[in-house]
Amino acid sequence: ARSPRAFVEPIGGTTAQAYAAELEAQLRRQLFAQQELQRVNVQLVGKLDEYREANGENVRAAEAELLSLHAELTVSHVSRTELRDRVEELEVELTTRSAAHRSAMSTSERERVELNTRNAMSNSERAGAGAEARTAERRTVA
C-alpha cells in the first residue's frame, strides 16, 4: 500500500501509467483476497450449520435421555414408597400378632395353672378319700 506520491516522477506520462498499473494490481490483489475471504466465509457458515445440526441432535438425545432417567427415577421412587408402606403394614401386623400371642400365652398359662391346681386338689381329695377308706376299712376289720 504505497502512497500515490511514491510514484511521482519528473517524467509526466510514465508516472501516471505506473501509478495506474500499480493501482490495478492492488485492486486485483484486493479482489482475490475478498473472493478468498468469501470462499472461507461460505465454508465457515457451512461448518457452523453442520455444528448447529449436530448440536441440535445432541441436545435432543440428551433431553430424551434425561426424560428416560426421570421416568426411571419416578418408578424407583414409587416402588420404594410402596415398599416402605408395606414394611409399615407388616410392622403393625407383627406388633398386633405379638400382642395377641402374648395375650394367648398369658391366657394359656393361666389355664395351665388352673388345671394344675385342680389336678393337685383332685389328687389331694383322692388321697384323702383313700386314707379315709383305709381307716374305715381298718375299723371294720377291727
Protein backbone atom coordinates (compact mmCIF):
# COMPACT_ATOMS: atom_id res chain seq x y z
CA ALA A 1 0.00 0.00 0.00
CA ARG A 2 2.13 2.73 -1.28
CA SER A 3 1.01 6.28 -1.29
CA PRO A 4 0.26 7.87 -4.65
CA ARG A 5 3.18 10.25 -4.13
CA ALA A 6 5.68 7.36 -4.21
CA PHE A 7 5.08 7.11 -7.97
CA VAL A 8 5.51 10.76 -8.74
CA GLU A 9 8.45 11.22 -11.10
CA PRO A 10 9.58 14.14 -13.08
CA ILE A 11 8.64 12.39 -16.37
CA GLY A 12 4.90 13.05 -16.81
CA GLY A 13 3.34 10.15 -18.80
CA THR A 14 5.24 7.21 -17.30
CA THR A 15 4.46 8.18 -13.77
CA ALA A 16 0.69 8.11 -14.34
CA GLN A 17 0.86 4.80 -16.22
CA ALA A 18 2.99 3.18 -13.50
CA TYR A 19 0.66 4.53 -10.86
CA ALA A 20 -2.40 3.20 -12.73
CA ALA A 21 -0.72 -0.21 -13.20
CA GLU A 22 0.13 -0.35 -9.52
CA LEU A 23 -3.46 0.57 -8.57
CA GLU A 24 -4.79 -2.07 -10.94
CA ALA A 25 -2.50 -4.72 -9.43
CA GLN A 26 -3.55 -3.64 -5.99
CA LEU A 27 -7.22 -3.89 -6.96
CA ARG A 28 -6.66 -7.41 -8.37
CA ARG A 29 -4.95 -8.47 -5.13
CA GLN A 30 -7.76 -6.99 -3.07
CA LEU A 31 -10.39 -8.64 -5.28
CA PHE A 32 -8.61 -12.00 -4.99
CA ALA A 33 -8.32 -11.58 -1.20
CA GLN A 34 -12.01 -10.63 -0.99
CA GLN A 35 -13.02 -13.66 -3.06
CA GLU A 36 -10.83 -15.89 -0.86
CA LEU A 37 -12.46 -14.40 2.25
CA GLN A 38 -15.92 -15.04 0.78
CA ARG A 39 -14.97 -18.67 -0.03
CA VAL A 40 -13.66 -19.18 3.53
CA ASN A 41 -16.75 -17.46 4.92
CA VAL A 42 -19.05 -19.81 2.95
CA GLN A 43 -17.07 -22.80 4.27
CA LEU A 44 -17.32 -21.47 7.83
CA VAL A 45 -21.08 -20.88 7.51
CA GLY A 46 -21.44 -24.45 6.21
CA LYS A 47 -19.44 -25.82 9.15
CA LEU A 48 -21.45 -23.68 11.55
CA ASP A 49 -24.71 -25.09 10.15
CA GLU A 50 -23.24 -28.59 10.42
CA TYR A 51 -22.25 -28.00 14.07
CA ARG A 52 -25.65 -26.46 14.86
CA GLU A 53 -27.40 -29.51 13.40
CA ALA A 54 -25.11 -31.90 15.30
CA ASN A 55 -25.56 -29.84 18.47
CA GLY A 56 -29.35 -29.91 18.00
CA GLU A 57 -29.23 -33.69 17.66
CA ASN A 58 -27.05 -33.92 20.78
CA VAL A 59 -29.47 -31.69 22.68
CA ARG A 60 -32.44 -33.80 21.57
CA ALA A 61 -30.62 -37.01 22.55
CA ALA A 62 -29.66 -35.54 25.93
CA GLU A 63 -33.25 -34.39 26.54
CA ALA A 64 -34.58 -37.86 25.65
CA GLU A 65 -32.06 -39.49 27.98
CA LEU A 66 -32.94 -37.04 30.73
CA LEU A 67 -36.66 -37.80 30.34
CA SER A 68 -35.94 -41.54 30.40
CA LEU A 69 -33.83 -41.21 33.55
CA HIS A 70 -36.53 -39.08 35.15
CA ALA A 71 -39.13 -41.77 34.37
CA GLU A 72 -36.87 -44.47 35.84
CA LEU A 73 -36.29 -42.36 38.94
CA THR A 74 -40.03 -41.80 39.33
CA VAL A 75 -40.74 -45.54 39.04
CA SER A 76 -37.97 -46.28 41.54
CA HIS A 77 -39.35 -43.68 43.96
CA VAL A 78 -42.88 -45.08 43.67
CA SER A 79 -41.54 -48.60 44.21
CA ARG A 80 -39.57 -47.53 47.29
CA THR A 81 -42.63 -45.72 48.64
CA GLU A 82 -44.78 -48.83 48.13
CA LEU A 83 -42.13 -50.99 49.83
CA ARG A 84 -41.90 -48.56 52.75
CA ASP A 85 -45.70 -48.64 53.13
CA ARG A 86 -45.70 -52.45 53.01
CA VAL A 87 -42.95 -52.59 55.66
CA GLU A 88 -45.01 -50.31 57.87
CA GLU A 89 -48.09 -52.52 57.36
CA LEU A 90 -46.07 -55.63 58.23
CA GLU A 91 -44.64 -53.95 61.34
CA VAL A 92 -48.17 -53.10 62.51
CA GLU A 93 -49.30 -56.67 61.77
CA LEU A 94 -46.29 -58.08 63.64
CA THR A 95 -46.99 -55.85 66.64
CA THR A 96 -50.67 -56.90 66.63
CA ARG A 97 -49.83 -60.59 66.31
CA SER A 98 -47.15 -60.36 69.02
CA ALA A 99 -49.64 -58.73 71.39
CA ALA A 100 -52.26 -61.40 70.55
CA HIS A 101 -49.67 -64.15 71.06
CA ARG A 102 -48.61 -62.71 74.42
CA SER A 103 -52.27 -62.47 75.42
CA ALA A 104 -52.94 -66.05 74.27
CA MET A 105 -49.84 -67.28 76.08
CA SER A 106 -50.95 -65.44 79.20
CA THR A 107 -54.43 -67.00 78.96
CA SER A 108 -52.92 -70.40 78.23
CA GLU A 109 -50.56 -70.03 81.19
CA ARG A 110 -53.48 -69.13 83.49
CA GLU A 111 -55.46 -72.10 82.21
CA ARG A 112 -52.45 -74.39 82.75
CA VAL A 113 -52.01 -73.12 86.31
CA GLU A 114 -55.72 -73.54 86.99
CA LEU A 115 -55.66 -77.06 85.56
CA ASN A 116 -52.60 -77.97 87.64
CA THR A 117 -54.30 -76.53 90.69
CA ARG A 118 -57.46 -78.55 90.02
CA ASN A 119 -55.41 -81.68 89.39
CA ALA A 120 -53.50 -81.14 92.61
CA MET A 121 -56.72 -80.61 94.52
CA SER A 122 -58.25 -83.65 92.86
CA ASN A 123 -55.21 -85.72 93.72
CA SER A 124 -55.31 -84.39 97.24
CA GLU A 125 -59.01 -85.19 97.58
CA ARG A 126 -58.46 -88.69 96.22
CA ALA A 127 -55.58 -89.22 98.55
CA GLY A 128 -57.73 -88.01 101.45
CA ALA A 129 -60.65 -90.20 100.39
CA GLY A 130 -58.29 -93.15 100.01
CA ALA A 131 -56.95 -92.57 103.51
CA GLU A 132 -60.45 -92.33 104.92
CA ALA A 133 -61.42 -95.54 103.13
CA ARG A 134 -58.38 -97.34 104.58
CA THR A 135 -59.21 -96.02 108.01
CA ALA A 136 -62.84 -97.13 107.67
CA GLU A 137 -61.65 -100.49 106.45
CA ARG A 138 -59.37 -100.89 109.42
CA ARG A 139 -62.20 -100.04 111.75
CA THR A 140 -64.47 -102.61 110.21
CA VAL A 141 -61.74 -105.21 110.35
CA ALA A 142 -61.01 -104.49 113.94
